[in-house]
N, C-alpha and C. Protein backbone atom coordinates (compact mmCIF):
# COMPACT_ATOMS: atom_id res chain seq x y z
N UNK A 1 1.01 -1.09 0.43
CA UNK A 1 -0.32 0.20 -0.11
C UNK A 1 1.01 0.96 -0.01
N UNK A 2 0.39 1.89 -0.74
CA UNK A 2 0.87 3.60 -1.01
C UNK A 2 0.63 4.75 -0.61
N UNK A 3 1.02 5.77 -0.67
CA UNK A 3 0.18 7.10 -0.48
C UNK A 3 0.68 7.48 -1.59
N UNK A 4 -0.24 8.06 -2.32
CA UNK A 4 -0.22 8.90 -3.39
C UNK A 4 -1.01 10.11 -4.06
N UNK A 5 -0.52 11.15 -3.63
CA UNK A 5 -1.31 12.12 -3.87
C UNK A 5 -2.27 12.29 -2.94
N UNK A 6 -2.05 12.33 -1.59
CA UNK A 6 -3.13 11.92 -0.17
C UNK A 6 -4.38 10.33 -0.52
N UNK A 7 -3.42 9.52 -1.44
CA UNK A 7 -4.83 8.62 -1.52
C UNK A 7 -3.95 7.18 -1.72
N UNK A 8 -4.73 6.23 -0.67
CA UNK A 8 -4.38 5.30 -0.45
C UNK A 8 -4.32 4.36 -1.60
N UNK A 9 -3.19 4.15 -2.72
CA UNK A 9 -3.28 3.04 -3.31
C UNK A 9 -2.11 1.80 -3.50
N UNK A 10 -2.65 1.03 -4.29
CA UNK A 10 -1.33 0.02 -4.40
C UNK A 10 -0.48 0.97 -5.54
N UNK A 11 0.84 0.35 -5.70
CA UNK A 11 1.62 1.08 -6.99
C UNK A 11 1.46 1.02 -8.17
N UNK A 12 1.13 1.84 -8.86
CA UNK A 12 0.77 1.93 -9.96
C UNK A 12 1.91 1.57 -11.15
N UNK A 13 1.52 0.98 -12.69
CA UNK A 13 2.21 0.96 -13.17
C UNK A 13 3.16 2.22 -13.68
N UNK A 14 2.15 3.07 -14.23
CA UNK A 14 2.40 4.14 -14.56
C UNK A 14 2.25 5.53 -13.76
N UNK A 15 2.67 6.27 -13.46
CA UNK A 15 2.58 7.72 -13.12
C UNK A 15 2.47 8.96 -13.53
N UNK A 16 1.39 9.62 -13.62
CA UNK A 16 1.71 11.06 -14.57
C UNK A 16 1.70 12.02 -13.42
N UNK A 17 2.95 12.72 -14.08
CA UNK A 17 3.41 13.98 -13.07
C UNK A 17 2.75 15.04 -13.51
N UNK A 18 3.11 15.76 -12.78
CA UNK A 18 2.12 17.55 -13.14
C UNK A 18 2.85 17.82 -14.37
N UNK A 19 3.76 18.00 -14.69
CA UNK A 19 4.54 18.24 -16.09
C UNK A 19 4.29 17.76 -17.08
N UNK A 20 3.27 16.51 -17.22
CA UNK A 20 3.02 16.01 -18.46
C UNK A 20 3.94 14.55 -18.69
N UNK A 21 4.89 14.85 -17.96
CA UNK A 21 5.90 13.23 -18.20
C UNK A 21 4.91 12.06 -17.40
N UNK A 22 5.57 10.93 -17.79
CA UNK A 22 5.18 10.00 -17.24
C UNK A 22 5.89 8.93 -16.50
N UNK A 23 6.12 8.25 -15.62
CA UNK A 23 7.38 7.44 -14.55
C UNK A 23 6.79 6.15 -15.06
N UNK A 24 7.43 5.31 -15.45
CA UNK A 24 7.21 3.45 -14.97
C UNK A 24 7.98 2.97 -14.44
N UNK A 25 7.59 1.72 -13.99
CA UNK A 25 8.74 0.95 -13.33
C UNK A 25 9.01 1.39 -12.00
N UNK A 26 7.86 1.66 -11.33
CA UNK A 26 8.17 2.66 -9.92
C UNK A 26 8.45 1.52 -8.98
N UNK A 27 8.08 0.25 -9.31
CA UNK A 27 8.84 -0.76 -8.10
C UNK A 27 10.15 -1.07 -8.05
N UNK A 28 10.92 -0.48 -8.90
CA UNK A 28 12.25 -0.42 -9.36
C UNK A 28 12.86 0.78 -8.42
N UNK A 29 12.10 1.43 -8.05
CA UNK A 29 12.22 2.44 -7.38
C UNK A 29 12.84 2.39 -6.01
N UNK A 30 13.87 2.94 -5.19
CA UNK A 30 13.86 2.95 -3.91
C UNK A 30 13.12 3.81 -3.16
N UNK A 31 12.75 3.77 -1.87
CA UNK A 31 11.80 4.27 -1.18
C UNK A 31 12.31 5.87 -1.23
N UNK A 32 13.00 6.29 -0.91
CA UNK A 32 13.78 7.65 -1.64
C UNK A 32 13.47 8.36 -2.69
N UNK A 33 13.61 7.47 -4.14
CA UNK A 33 13.16 8.07 -5.28
C UNK A 33 11.55 8.32 -4.96
N UNK A 34 11.15 7.64 -4.65
CA UNK A 34 9.50 7.40 -5.18
C UNK A 34 9.03 8.65 -3.96
N UNK A 35 10.05 8.90 -2.83
CA UNK A 35 9.33 10.17 -1.86
C UNK A 35 9.61 11.12 -2.74
N UNK A 36 10.39 11.65 -3.54
CA UNK A 36 10.66 12.66 -4.08
C UNK A 36 9.64 13.05 -5.82
N UNK A 37 9.13 11.92 -5.65
CA UNK A 37 7.61 12.02 -6.53
C UNK A 37 6.21 12.03 -5.75
N UNK A 38 6.52 12.22 -4.61
CA UNK A 38 5.17 12.14 -3.46
C UNK A 38 4.61 11.06 -3.24
N UNK A 39 5.16 10.01 -3.46
CA UNK A 39 5.05 8.04 -3.00
C UNK A 39 5.63 7.65 -2.05
N UNK A 40 4.31 7.38 -1.15
CA UNK A 40 5.35 6.79 0.02
C UNK A 40 4.44 5.41 0.44
N UNK A 41 5.92 4.50 0.99
CA UNK A 41 5.00 3.05 1.43
C UNK A 41 4.18 3.51 2.45
N UNK A 42 3.22 2.67 2.79
CA UNK A 42 2.63 3.03 3.83
C UNK A 42 2.46 1.94 4.81
N UNK A 43 2.87 1.97 6.18
CA UNK A 43 2.35 0.98 7.34
C UNK A 43 1.05 1.41 8.10
N UNK A 44 0.10 0.68 7.60
CA UNK A 44 -0.97 0.22 8.27
C UNK A 44 -1.19 -0.23 9.55
N UNK A 45 -2.13 0.44 10.71
CA UNK A 45 -2.00 0.21 11.62
C UNK A 45 -3.89 0.15 11.79
N UNK A 46 -4.21 -1.09 11.89
CA UNK A 46 -5.58 -2.05 12.02
C UNK A 46 -5.91 -2.50 13.97
N UNK A 47 -6.61 -1.54 14.78
CA UNK A 47 -6.58 -2.64 15.87
C UNK A 47 -7.70 -3.77 15.28
N UNK A 48 -7.69 -4.52 16.77
CA UNK A 48 -8.36 -5.85 16.47
C UNK A 48 -9.86 -5.37 16.29
N UNK A 49 -10.79 -5.91 15.50
CA UNK A 49 -12.13 -5.71 15.69
C UNK A 49 -13.08 -6.92 16.29
N UNK A 50 -14.13 -6.53 16.84
CA UNK A 50 -15.33 -7.09 17.17
C UNK A 50 -15.90 -7.28 16.18
N UNK A 51 -17.05 -7.98 16.02
CA UNK A 51 -18.20 -8.20 14.68
C UNK A 51 -18.83 -7.05 14.78
N UNK A 52 -19.04 -6.18 15.98
CA UNK A 52 -19.97 -5.29 15.92
C UNK A 52 -19.26 -3.81 15.64
N UNK A 53 -18.11 -3.92 15.24
CA UNK A 53 -17.01 -2.54 15.03
C UNK A 53 -16.85 -2.54 13.67
N UNK A 54 -16.18 -1.77 13.05
CA UNK A 54 -15.75 -1.60 11.79
C UNK A 54 -15.07 -0.47 11.75
N UNK A 55 -13.66 -0.32 10.80
CA UNK A 55 -13.40 0.57 10.69
C UNK A 55 -13.06 1.99 9.92
N UNK A 56 -12.73 3.15 10.38
CA UNK A 56 -13.16 4.57 9.84
C UNK A 56 -12.00 4.78 8.90
N UNK A 57 -12.17 5.78 8.49
CA UNK A 57 -11.47 6.09 7.51
C UNK A 57 -10.02 6.50 8.19
N UNK A 58 -8.84 6.11 7.50
CA UNK A 58 -7.37 6.13 8.34
C UNK A 58 -6.99 7.97 9.02
N UNK A 59 -6.56 7.93 9.75
CA UNK A 59 -5.71 9.04 9.83
C UNK A 59 -4.29 8.83 9.26
N UNK A 60 -3.78 9.65 8.40
CA UNK A 60 -2.31 9.19 7.50
C UNK A 60 -1.47 10.40 7.84
N UNK A 61 -0.05 9.91 8.95
CA UNK A 61 0.99 10.78 8.68
C UNK A 61 1.70 10.52 7.79
N UNK A 62 3.18 11.30 7.59
CA UNK A 62 4.27 10.75 6.86
C UNK A 62 5.35 11.31 8.09
N UNK A 63 6.06 10.61 7.79
CA UNK A 63 7.61 10.95 8.71
C UNK A 63 8.31 10.02 8.05
N UNK A 64 9.31 10.54 8.03
CA UNK A 64 10.73 10.04 7.54
C UNK A 64 10.74 9.25 6.15
N UNK A 65 9.87 10.11 5.31
CA UNK A 65 9.69 9.41 3.68
C UNK A 65 8.57 7.97 4.03
N UNK A 66 7.68 7.52 4.98
CA UNK A 66 7.15 7.11 4.74
C UNK A 66 6.27 6.87 5.78
N UNK A 67 5.00 6.49 5.75
CA UNK A 67 3.15 7.07 5.46
C UNK A 67 2.63 6.16 7.03
N UNK A 68 2.11 6.37 7.88
CA UNK A 68 1.29 5.34 9.06
C UNK A 68 0.14 5.72 8.63
N UNK A 69 -0.80 5.05 8.18
CA UNK A 69 -2.30 4.68 8.31
C UNK A 69 -2.79 4.17 9.37
N UNK A 70 -3.40 5.01 10.86
CA UNK A 70 -3.85 4.45 11.69
C UNK A 70 -5.96 4.33 11.65
N UNK A 71 -5.97 3.21 11.34
CA UNK A 71 -7.77 3.08 11.30
C UNK A 71 -8.43 3.10 12.59
N UNK A 72 -9.31 4.38 13.01
CA UNK A 72 -10.06 4.09 13.80
C UNK A 72 -11.25 3.29 14.03
N UNK A 73 -11.43 2.32 15.34
CA UNK A 73 -12.11 1.41 15.39
C UNK A 73 -13.86 2.31 15.51
N UNK A 74 -14.80 2.04 15.00
CA UNK A 74 -16.08 2.57 15.05
C UNK A 74 -17.14 1.79 15.24
N UNK A 75 -17.85 1.79 16.57
CA UNK A 75 -18.82 0.76 16.54
C UNK A 75 -20.43 0.94 15.71
N UNK A 76 -20.91 -0.07 15.11
CA UNK A 76 -21.88 -0.19 14.49
C UNK A 76 -23.05 0.33 15.04
N UNK A 77 -24.15 0.67 14.85
CA UNK A 77 -25.38 1.28 15.13
C UNK A 77 -25.98 -0.41 15.45
N UNK A 78 -26.89 0.23 16.59
CA UNK A 78 -27.69 -1.28 16.67
C UNK A 78 -28.45 -1.93 16.09
N UNK A 79 -29.21 -1.28 14.92
CA UNK A 79 -29.38 -1.64 13.93
C UNK A 79 -28.67 -2.33 12.89
N UNK A 80 -27.74 -1.63 12.61
CA UNK A 80 -26.42 -2.11 11.79
C UNK A 80 -25.46 -3.44 12.22
N UNK A 81 -25.79 -3.46 13.94
CA UNK A 81 -25.47 -4.86 14.37
C UNK A 81 -26.53 -6.17 14.21
N UNK A 82 -27.76 -5.61 14.00
CA UNK A 82 -28.74 -6.19 14.14
C UNK A 82 -28.83 -7.10 12.66
N UNK A 83 -28.42 -6.26 11.52
CA UNK A 83 -28.71 -6.51 10.64
C UNK A 83 -27.64 -7.09 10.20
N UNK A 84 -26.30 -7.37 10.71
CA UNK A 84 -25.26 -7.88 10.30
C UNK A 84 -25.58 -9.86 10.82
N UNK A 85 -26.05 -9.51 12.35
CA UNK A 85 -26.29 -10.67 12.63
C UNK A 85 -27.10 -11.75 12.29
N UNK A 86 -28.48 -11.01 11.39
CA UNK A 86 -29.60 -11.65 10.90
C UNK A 86 -28.65 -12.14 9.71
N UNK A 87 -28.19 -11.32 9.36
CA UNK A 87 -27.53 -11.80 7.67
C UNK A 87 -26.78 -13.05 7.99
N UNK A 88 -25.83 -13.52 9.07
CA UNK A 88 -24.71 -14.62 9.70
C UNK A 88 -25.81 -15.80 9.32
N UNK A 89 -27.26 -15.54 10.48
CA UNK A 89 -27.59 -15.77 10.41
C UNK A 89 -28.96 -16.71 9.58
N UNK A 90 -28.72 -16.30 8.63
CA UNK A 90 -29.46 -16.90 6.98
C UNK A 90 -28.53 -17.27 6.33
N UNK A 91 -27.27 -16.82 6.68
CA UNK A 91 -26.45 -17.66 5.74
C UNK A 91 -26.19 -18.93 6.79
N UNK A 92 -26.10 -19.09 7.90
CA UNK A 92 -26.27 -20.43 8.45
C UNK A 92 -27.25 -21.50 8.04
N UNK A 93 -28.29 -20.89 8.46
CA UNK A 93 -29.36 -21.58 7.88
C UNK A 93 -29.39 -21.67 6.85
N UNK A 94 -28.73 -21.73 5.59
CA UNK A 94 -28.77 -21.98 4.14
C UNK A 94 -27.57 -23.33 4.30
N UNK A 95 -26.53 -23.16 4.85
CA UNK A 95 -25.24 -23.59 5.00
C UNK A 95 -25.76 -25.47 5.81
N UNK A 96 -26.83 -25.13 6.81
CA UNK A 96 -27.29 -26.23 7.46
C UNK A 96 -28.18 -26.91 6.60
N UNK A 97 -29.23 -26.40 5.97
CA UNK A 97 -29.44 -26.69 5.11
C UNK A 97 -29.06 -27.72 3.76
N UNK A 98 -28.14 -26.97 3.56
CA UNK A 98 -27.33 -27.94 2.42
C UNK A 98 -26.64 -28.65 2.69
N UNK A 99 -26.41 -28.65 4.09
CA UNK A 99 -25.19 -30.24 4.50
C UNK A 99 -26.40 -31.33 4.65
N UNK A 100 -27.94 -30.84 5.03
CA UNK A 100 -28.49 -31.77 5.40
C UNK A 100 -29.03 -32.35 3.72
N UNK A 101 -29.22 -31.86 2.99
CA UNK A 101 -29.25 -32.15 1.38
C UNK A 101 -28.31 -33.00 1.53
N UNK A 102 -27.10 -32.97 1.36
CA UNK A 102 -25.78 -33.45 0.74
C UNK A 102 -25.78 -34.87 1.73
N UNK A 103 -25.89 -34.79 3.23
CA UNK A 103 -26.20 -36.03 3.81
C UNK A 103 -27.27 -36.79 3.27
N UNK A 104 -28.29 -36.08 3.33
CA UNK A 104 -29.61 -36.80 2.40
C UNK A 104 -29.27 -37.64 1.77
N UNK A 105 -28.87 -37.41 0.83
CA UNK A 105 -29.00 -37.60 -0.94
C UNK A 105 -27.47 -38.42 -0.97
N UNK A 106 -26.51 -38.69 -0.05
CA UNK A 106 -25.22 -39.26 -0.37
C UNK A 106 -25.53 -40.37 -0.39
N UNK A 107 -26.45 -41.23 -0.01
CA UNK A 107 -26.86 -43.00 0.00
C UNK A 107 -26.18 -43.32 0.99
N UNK A 108 -26.97 -44.61 1.26
CA UNK A 108 -26.92 -45.37 2.78
C UNK A 108 -26.39 -46.85 2.08
N UNK A 109 -25.43 -47.36 3.07
CA UNK A 109 -25.02 -48.95 2.91
C UNK A 109 -25.96 -50.00 3.36
N UNK A 110 -26.83 -50.52 2.78
CA UNK A 110 -27.99 -51.95 3.07
C UNK A 110 -27.57 -53.42 2.90
N UNK A 111 -26.90 -53.66 3.93
CA UNK A 111 -27.07 -55.31 3.70
C UNK A 111 -25.76 -55.79 2.77
N UNK A 112 -25.14 -54.85 2.67
CA UNK A 112 -23.65 -55.17 2.05
C UNK A 112 -23.85 -54.22 0.52
N UNK A 113 -24.65 -53.27 0.33
CA UNK A 113 -24.36 -52.67 -0.98
C UNK A 113 -25.34 -51.02 -1.15
N UNK A 114 -24.58 -50.36 -1.54
CA UNK A 114 -24.94 -49.08 -1.32
C UNK A 114 -26.64 -48.70 -2.24
N UNK A 115 -27.36 -47.87 -1.52
CA UNK A 115 -28.84 -47.73 -1.82
C UNK A 115 -28.24 -46.05 -2.41
N UNK A 116 -29.05 -45.38 -3.41
CA UNK A 116 -28.84 -44.25 -3.60
C UNK A 116 -29.96 -44.10 -3.06
N UNK A 117 -29.84 -42.49 -2.23
CA UNK A 117 -31.16 -42.02 -1.64
C UNK A 117 -31.46 -40.45 -1.93
N UNK A 118 -31.35 -40.02 -3.59
CA UNK A 118 -31.26 -38.76 -4.02
C UNK A 118 -33.09 -38.93 -4.28
N UNK A 119 -34.00 -37.56 -4.50
CA UNK A 119 -35.09 -37.74 -4.13
C UNK A 119 -35.99 -38.45 -5.15
N UNK A 120 -35.57 -38.82 -6.18
CA UNK A 120 -35.81 -39.68 -7.54
C UNK A 120 -36.13 -41.11 -7.15
N UNK A 121 -34.43 -41.31 -6.19
CA UNK A 121 -34.59 -42.72 -5.50
C UNK A 121 -35.51 -43.04 -4.52
N UNK A 122 -35.52 -41.97 -4.01
CA UNK A 122 -36.41 -42.12 -2.90
C UNK A 122 -38.17 -42.45 -3.06
N UNK A 123 -38.33 -41.59 -4.24
CA UNK A 123 -39.39 -42.35 -4.85
C UNK A 123 -39.85 -43.39 -5.63
N UNK A 124 -38.62 -44.11 -6.08
CA UNK A 124 -38.79 -45.40 -6.58
C UNK A 124 -38.75 -46.26 -5.09
N UNK A 125 -38.41 -46.18 -3.88
CA UNK A 125 -37.87 -47.07 -3.02
C UNK A 125 -39.67 -46.90 -2.65
N UNK A 126 -40.05 -45.56 -2.64
CA UNK A 126 -41.62 -45.41 -1.60
C UNK A 126 -42.90 -46.75 -2.75
N UNK A 127 -42.09 -46.36 -3.74
CA UNK A 127 -43.48 -47.19 -4.61
C UNK A 127 -43.40 -48.55 -4.75
N UNK A 128 -41.72 -48.91 -4.78
CA UNK A 128 -41.57 -50.15 -4.43
C UNK A 128 -42.18 -50.71 -3.05
N UNK A 129 -42.30 -50.21 -2.14
CA UNK A 129 -42.55 -50.60 -0.42
C UNK A 129 -43.92 -50.61 -0.43
N UNK A 130 -45.06 -49.55 -1.34
CA UNK A 130 -46.47 -49.86 -1.16
C UNK A 130 -46.73 -50.68 -1.82
N UNK A 131 -45.81 -51.65 -3.13
CA UNK A 131 -46.21 -52.52 -3.63
C UNK A 131 -45.81 -53.91 -2.63
N UNK A 132 -44.93 -53.95 -2.15
CA UNK A 132 -44.44 -55.26 -1.46
C UNK A 132 -45.19 -55.11 -0.18
N UNK A 133 -46.20 -54.22 0.45
CA UNK A 133 -47.00 -54.07 1.11
C UNK A 133 -48.31 -54.57 1.02
N UNK A 134 -48.73 -54.65 -0.27
CA UNK A 134 -49.90 -54.97 -0.92
C UNK A 134 -49.75 -56.48 -1.08
N UNK A 135 -48.45 -56.91 -1.52
CA UNK A 135 -48.15 -58.32 -1.83
C UNK A 135 -47.00 -58.59 -1.54
N UNK A 136 -46.66 -59.53 -0.47
CA UNK A 136 -45.85 -60.43 0.13
C UNK A 136 -45.08 -61.10 -0.54
N UNK A 137 -45.96 -61.84 -1.55
CA UNK A 137 -44.82 -62.29 -2.59
C UNK A 137 -44.12 -61.79 -3.79
N UNK A 138 -44.02 -60.30 -3.85
CA UNK A 138 -43.61 -59.33 -4.44
C UNK A 138 -42.56 -59.50 -5.00
N UNK A 139 -41.50 -59.30 -5.82
CA UNK A 139 -40.44 -58.92 -5.88
C UNK A 139 -39.89 -58.31 -7.21
N UNK A 140 -38.80 -57.73 -7.24
CA UNK A 140 -38.00 -56.92 -8.51
C UNK A 140 -36.66 -56.72 -8.25
N UNK A 141 -36.23 -56.50 -9.84
CA UNK A 141 -34.74 -56.30 -9.91
C UNK A 141 -34.42 -54.89 -9.50
N UNK A 142 -33.69 -54.60 -8.42
CA UNK A 142 -33.37 -53.42 -8.40
C UNK A 142 -31.69 -53.27 -9.00
N UNK A 143 -31.50 -51.83 -9.18
CA UNK A 143 -30.21 -51.86 -10.01
C UNK A 143 -29.36 -50.91 -8.61
N UNK A 144 -28.53 -51.55 -8.09
CA UNK A 144 -27.31 -50.92 -6.99
C UNK A 144 -26.35 -50.20 -8.42
N UNK A 145 -25.54 -49.59 -7.48
CA UNK A 145 -24.00 -49.60 -7.91
C UNK A 145 -23.10 -50.42 -8.58
N UNK A 146 -23.40 -51.70 -8.04
CA UNK A 146 -22.55 -52.55 -8.40
C UNK A 146 -23.18 -53.50 -9.63
N UNK A 147 -24.80 -53.24 -10.00
CA UNK A 147 -25.59 -53.98 -11.35
C UNK A 147 -26.68 -54.07 -10.40
N UNK A 148 -27.45 -55.44 -10.81
CA UNK A 148 -29.04 -55.64 -10.72
C UNK A 148 -28.57 -56.68 -9.54
N UNK A 149 -30.08 -56.53 -8.60
CA UNK A 149 -29.99 -57.33 -7.43
C UNK A 149 -31.49 -57.75 -7.65
N UNK A 150 -32.05 -59.01 -6.99
CA UNK A 150 -33.51 -59.04 -6.82
C UNK A 150 -33.51 -59.01 -5.57
N UNK A 151 -34.89 -58.61 -5.32
CA UNK A 151 -35.31 -57.99 -3.94
C UNK A 151 -36.64 -58.77 -3.67
N UNK A 152 -36.41 -59.14 -2.52
CA UNK A 152 -37.99 -60.05 -1.85
C UNK A 152 -38.66 -58.74 -1.30
N UNK A 153 -39.93 -59.01 -1.57
CA UNK A 153 -41.16 -57.83 -0.48
C UNK A 153 -40.67 -57.47 0.76
N UNK A 154 -39.60 -58.68 1.89
CA UNK A 154 -38.97 -58.42 2.67
C UNK A 154 -38.07 -57.28 2.96
N UNK A 155 -36.97 -57.62 1.73
CA UNK A 155 -35.98 -56.77 1.74
C UNK A 155 -36.05 -55.45 1.34
N UNK A 156 -37.55 -55.30 0.34
CA UNK A 156 -37.40 -54.14 -0.42
C UNK A 156 -38.04 -53.31 0.95
N UNK A 157 -39.16 -53.73 1.70
CA UNK A 157 -39.80 -52.64 2.99
C UNK A 157 -38.18 -52.55 3.80
N UNK A 158 -37.63 -53.83 4.08
CA UNK A 158 -36.15 -52.99 4.94
C UNK A 158 -35.41 -52.29 4.47
N UNK A 159 -35.31 -51.91 2.97
CA UNK A 159 -34.31 -50.96 2.55
C UNK A 159 -35.22 -49.53 2.50
N UNK A 160 -36.47 -50.03 2.50
CA UNK A 160 -37.61 -48.70 2.81
C UNK A 160 -37.41 -48.24 4.11
N UNK A 161 -37.58 -48.87 4.65
CA UNK A 161 -37.33 -48.52 6.23
C UNK A 161 -35.62 -47.93 6.86
N UNK A 162 -34.94 -48.51 6.04
CA UNK A 162 -33.37 -48.16 6.66
C UNK A 162 -33.14 -46.43 5.46
N UNK A 163 -34.11 -46.45 4.78
CA UNK A 163 -34.37 -44.78 3.62
C UNK A 163 -34.32 -43.82 4.72
N UNK A 164 -35.93 -44.33 4.94
CA UNK A 164 -36.76 -43.36 5.68
C UNK A 164 -36.33 -43.04 6.94
N UNK A 165 -35.36 -43.82 7.85
CA UNK A 165 -34.84 -43.66 9.11
C UNK A 165 -33.54 -42.81 8.82
N UNK A 166 -32.84 -42.75 7.61
CA UNK A 166 -31.76 -42.30 7.04
C UNK A 166 -32.44 -40.65 6.94
N UNK A 167 -33.32 -40.85 5.73
CA UNK A 167 -33.53 -38.94 5.67
C UNK A 167 -34.45 -38.73 6.64
N UNK A 168 -34.60 -39.32 7.56
CA UNK A 168 -35.86 -38.66 8.93
C UNK A 168 -34.84 -38.14 9.77
N UNK A 169 -33.51 -38.76 10.12
CA UNK A 169 -32.35 -38.48 10.79
C UNK A 169 -31.96 -37.01 10.30
N UNK A 170 -32.05 -37.10 8.83
CA UNK A 170 -30.82 -36.14 8.47
C UNK A 170 -32.20 -34.49 8.73
N UNK A 171 -33.38 -34.76 8.52
CA UNK A 171 -34.22 -33.64 8.68
C UNK A 171 -34.38 -33.11 10.01
N UNK A 172 -33.85 -34.72 11.10
CA UNK A 172 -34.02 -34.28 12.65
C UNK A 172 -32.99 -33.13 12.81
N UNK A 173 -31.93 -33.49 12.52
CA UNK A 173 -30.23 -33.03 12.71
C UNK A 173 -30.38 -31.41 12.37
N UNK A 174 -31.10 -31.44 11.27
CA UNK A 174 -31.31 -29.79 10.84
C UNK A 174 -32.66 -29.13 11.53
N UNK A 175 -33.12 -29.95 11.99
CA UNK A 175 -34.30 -29.38 13.00
C UNK A 175 -33.94 -29.10 14.28
N UNK A 176 -32.78 -29.83 14.81
CA UNK A 176 -32.22 -29.56 16.05
C UNK A 176 -31.62 -28.40 16.47
N UNK A 177 -30.81 -27.85 14.62
CA UNK A 177 -29.83 -26.67 14.91
C UNK A 177 -30.50 -25.66 14.65
N UNK A 178 -31.91 -25.44 14.07
CA UNK A 178 -32.22 -24.44 13.93
C UNK A 178 -32.81 -23.24 15.13
N UNK A 179 -32.90 -24.06 16.29
CA UNK A 179 -33.28 -23.13 17.68
C UNK A 179 -31.82 -22.70 18.20
N UNK A 180 -30.43 -23.52 17.49
CA UNK A 180 -29.33 -22.48 18.20
C UNK A 180 -29.12 -21.77 17.37
N UNK A 181 -29.37 -22.20 15.78
CA UNK A 181 -28.86 -20.45 15.37
C UNK A 181 -29.53 -19.29 15.81
N UNK A 182 -31.21 -19.57 16.03
CA UNK A 182 -31.83 -18.43 16.48
C UNK A 182 -31.30 -17.81 17.87
N UNK A 183 -31.16 -18.87 18.75
CA UNK A 183 -30.77 -18.15 19.63
C UNK A 183 -28.97 -17.41 19.83
N UNK A 184 -28.49 -17.87 18.71
CA UNK A 184 -26.79 -17.23 18.79
C UNK A 184 -26.86 -15.73 18.49
N UNK A 185 -25.96 -15.06 19.46
CA UNK A 185 -25.81 -13.69 19.77
C UNK A 185 -24.55 -12.84 19.21
N UNK A 186 -23.89 -13.89 18.24
CA UNK A 186 -22.62 -13.56 17.48
C UNK A 186 -22.57 -14.69 16.75
N UNK A 187 -21.90 -13.61 15.74
CA UNK A 187 -21.34 -14.54 14.65
C UNK A 187 -20.24 -15.68 15.21
N UNK A 188 -19.26 -15.42 16.09
CA UNK A 188 -18.48 -16.62 16.35
C UNK A 188 -19.51 -17.79 16.97
N UNK A 189 -20.57 -17.00 17.61
CA UNK A 189 -21.70 -18.53 18.32
C UNK A 189 -22.10 -19.48 17.28
N UNK A 190 -22.72 -18.41 15.64
CA UNK A 190 -22.75 -19.43 14.25
C UNK A 190 -21.73 -20.10 13.98
N UNK A 191 -20.13 -20.00 13.99
CA UNK A 191 -19.45 -20.43 13.45
C UNK A 191 -19.24 -22.25 14.47
N UNK A 192 -19.66 -21.84 15.32
CA UNK A 192 -19.41 -23.38 16.18
C UNK A 192 -21.00 -24.38 15.85
N UNK A 193 -21.38 -23.84 14.79
CA UNK A 193 -23.04 -24.71 14.83
C UNK A 193 -22.38 -25.33 13.57
N UNK A 194 -22.49 -26.50 13.68
CA UNK A 194 -21.91 -27.71 12.22
C UNK A 194 -23.05 -28.50 12.49
N UNK A 195 -23.36 -29.17 11.18
CA UNK A 195 -24.81 -30.17 10.92
C UNK A 195 -24.06 -31.77 11.33
């Protein structure tokens, strides 16, 4: 960061001088040469912030060919702080919902084979389970990640029950976390809430 004509900026590639000339390759110049052009390297002083604070415009002092930019710490208004916290809660609710979706649809292992649990697969399993409930002699070929298997009505019902339990546990976990999100009083508390 550099102080150039009273403005904090990165070192430009080209500097236009008041007499119309330009200077390039400023990064190759010494601090003394830059100071002759009115360019000073900046040491920034930024005290630590809490989530209810922000930096104000810096106070800049030039001493011995270097600038120091000291940033004052200002408090957000109560309304601003409430808005920041609510935005953080909304992000956390979305994060938890996305984590639940990922866990829900990741699939589960049942009796040595992986059963897909995406929404389409859940619907297909539900349909097969309904038929198995109506006809105890029903069987079907079911495609797994390793190929087709023949499933009997009791096996279909067991798989459907395992998928239902898995999906419900994912929703239960999300539901457990929502009150914690609402009760959080800081972004730091929200960071500790994980699916």
